[in-house]
Amino acid sequence: MTDITEVFNHYLDQYDSIDIAEAEFKKNLHEDSQLRDEYREWCHNVGCTEKSGFIDYAEEYVENQNDVWNSLNDFDE
């Protein structure tokens, strides 16, 4: 079984846009039934909908990445 957040991170790291990453992820959801099952289970476990699960994760991921950079910038000052 794949850690679905690693799959999310792969798409987010590969594409410069959350929208493009989401489109590619959803395209693969339709092609890969195992990925679809794992995504459904993850959404159920974290309490989000399948429609917004990837976006919710992506926004939090990007925000956390920005926080890391901001903390590094604060250190430089």
C-alpha atoms as a PDB file:
ATOM      1  CA  MET A   1       0.000   0.000   0.000  1.00  0.00           C
ATOM      2  CA  THR A   2       1.276   3.438  -0.978  1.00  0.00           C
ATOM      3  CA  ASP A   3       1.402   6.379   1.401  1.00  0.00           C
ATOM      4  CA  ILE A   4      -1.038   8.662  -0.388  1.00  0.00           C
ATOM      5  CA  THR A   5       0.623  11.801   0.953  1.00  0.00           C
ATOM      6  CA  GLU A   6       3.850  10.763  -0.787  1.00  0.00           C
ATOM      7  CA  VAL A   7       1.834  10.544  -4.001  1.00  0.00           C
ATOM      8  CA  PHE A   8       0.399  14.018  -3.328  1.00  0.00           C
ATOM      9  CA  ASN A   9       3.891  15.379  -2.676  1.00  0.00           C
ATOM     10  CA  HIS A  10       5.149  13.842  -5.907  1.00  0.00           C
ATOM     11  CA  TYR A  11       2.530  15.705  -7.928  1.00  0.00           C
ATOM     12  CA  LEU A  12       3.025  18.948  -6.031  1.00  0.00           C
ATOM     13  CA  ASP A  13       6.796  18.804  -6.448  1.00  0.00           C
ATOM     14  CA  GLN A  14       6.549  17.877 -10.119  1.00  0.00           C
ATOM     15  CA  TYR A  15       4.207  20.690 -11.186  1.00  0.00           C
ATOM     16  CA  ASP A  16       4.494  24.417 -10.503  1.00  0.00           C
ATOM     17  CA  SER A  17       0.755  24.825 -10.071  1.00  0.00           C
ATOM     18  CA  ILE A  18      -1.643  23.238  -7.606  1.00  0.00           C
ATOM     19  CA  ASP A  19      -4.306  23.240 -10.317  1.00  0.00           C
ATOM     20  CA  ILE A  20      -2.114  21.316 -12.760  1.00  0.00           C
ATOM     21  CA  ALA A  21      -0.992  18.901 -10.040  1.00  0.00           C
ATOM     22  CA  GLU A  22      -4.616  18.283  -9.088  1.00  0.00           C
ATOM     23  CA  ALA A  23      -5.634  17.709 -12.722  1.00  0.00           C
ATOM     24  CA  GLU A  24      -2.856  15.164 -13.213  1.00  0.00           C
ATOM     25  CA  PHE A  25      -3.668  13.445  -9.924  1.00  0.00           C
ATOM     26  CA  LYS A  26      -7.368  13.205 -10.767  1.00  0.00           C
ATOM     27  CA  LYS A  27      -6.544  11.898 -14.237  1.00  0.00           C
ATOM     28  CA  ASN A  28      -4.525   9.116 -12.621  1.00  0.00           C
ATOM     29  CA  LEU A  29      -7.322   8.430 -10.131  1.00  0.00           C
ATOM     30  CA  HIS A  30      -9.538   7.455 -13.048  1.00  0.00           C
ATOM     31  CA  GLU A  31      -6.843   5.192 -14.490  1.00  0.00           C
ATOM     32  CA  ASP A  32      -5.661   3.461 -11.295  1.00  0.00           C
ATOM     33  CA  SER A  33      -8.263   1.731  -9.136  1.00  0.00           C
ATOM     34  CA  GLN A  34      -5.773   1.022  -6.323  1.00  0.00           C
ATOM     35  CA  LEU A  35      -4.853   4.711  -6.130  1.00  0.00           C
ATOM     36  CA  ARG A  36      -8.550   5.594  -6.123  1.00  0.00           C
ATOM     37  CA  ASP A  37      -9.229   3.181  -3.242  1.00  0.00           C
ATOM     38  CA  GLU A  38      -6.299   4.522  -1.224  1.00  0.00           C
ATOM     39  CA  TYR A  39      -7.431   8.099  -1.851  1.00  0.00           C
ATOM     40  CA  ARG A  40     -10.977   7.299  -0.734  1.00  0.00           C
ATOM     41  CA  GLU A  41      -9.669   5.684   2.427  1.00  0.00           C
ATOM     42  CA  TRP A  42      -7.380   8.641   3.156  1.00  0.00           C
ATOM     43  CA  CYS A  43     -10.236  11.125   2.640  1.00  0.00           C
ATOM     44  CA  HIS A  44     -12.429   9.114   4.972  1.00  0.00           C
ATOM     45  CA  ASN A  45      -9.696   8.918   7.628  1.00  0.00           C
ATOM     46  CA  VAL A  46      -8.933  12.649   7.618  1.00  0.00           C
ATOM     47  CA  GLY A  47     -12.572  13.688   7.289  1.00  0.00           C
ATOM     48  CA  CYS A  48     -12.557  15.471   3.960  1.00  0.00           C
ATOM     49  CA  THR A  49     -14.463  14.944   0.747  1.00  0.00           C
ATOM     50  CA  GLU A  50     -12.949  13.248  -2.268  1.00  0.00           C
ATOM     51  CA  LYS A  51     -13.690  16.385  -4.254  1.00  0.00           C
ATOM     52  CA  SER A  52     -11.589  18.647  -2.037  1.00  0.00           C
ATOM     53  CA  GLY A  53      -9.099  16.255  -0.434  1.00  0.00           C
ATOM     54  CA  PHE A  54      -6.185  16.875  -2.757  1.00  0.00           C
ATOM     55  CA  ILE A  55      -6.684  20.655  -2.771  1.00  0.00           C
ATOM     56  CA  ASP A  56      -7.010  20.772   1.016  1.00  0.00           C
ATOM     57  CA  TYR A  57      -3.774  18.835   1.392  1.00  0.00           C
ATOM     58  CA  ALA A  58      -2.003  20.867  -1.305  1.00  0.00           C
ATOM     59  CA  GLU A  59      -2.884  24.206   0.251  1.00  0.00           C
ATOM     60  CA  GLU A  60      -1.625  23.066   3.653  1.00  0.00           C
ATOM     61  CA  TYR A  61       1.530  21.603   2.080  1.00  0.00           C
ATOM     62  CA  VAL A  62       2.338  24.840   0.243  1.00  0.00           C
ATOM     63  CA  GLU A  63       1.608  26.904   3.352  1.00  0.00           C
ATOM     64  CA  ASN A  64       3.989  24.725   5.382  1.00  0.00           C
ATOM     65  CA  GLN A  65       6.672  25.081   2.707  1.00  0.00           C
ATOM     66  CA  ASN A  66       6.248  28.868   2.792  1.00  0.00           C
ATOM     67  CA  ASP A  67       6.502  28.843   6.592  1.00  0.00           C
ATOM     68  CA  VAL A  68       9.839  27.047   6.338  1.00  0.00           C
ATOM     69  CA  TRP A  69      11.183  29.640   3.907  1.00  0.00           C
ATOM     70  CA  ASN A  70       9.821  32.505   6.003  1.00  0.00           C
ATOM     71  CA  SER A  71      11.475  31.144   9.136  1.00  0.00           C
ATOM     72  CA  LEU A  72      14.778  30.895   7.259  1.00  0.00           C
ATOM     73  CA  ASN A  73      14.402  34.474   6.059  1.00  0.00           C
ATOM     74  CA  ASP A  74      13.653  35.619   9.606  1.00  0.00           C
ATOM     75  CA  PHE A  75      16.860  33.953  10.751  1.00  0.00           C
ATOM     76  CA  ASP A  76      18.872  35.818   8.104  1.00  0.00           C
ATOM     77  CA  GLU A  77      17.574  39.149   9.330  1.00  0.00           C
END
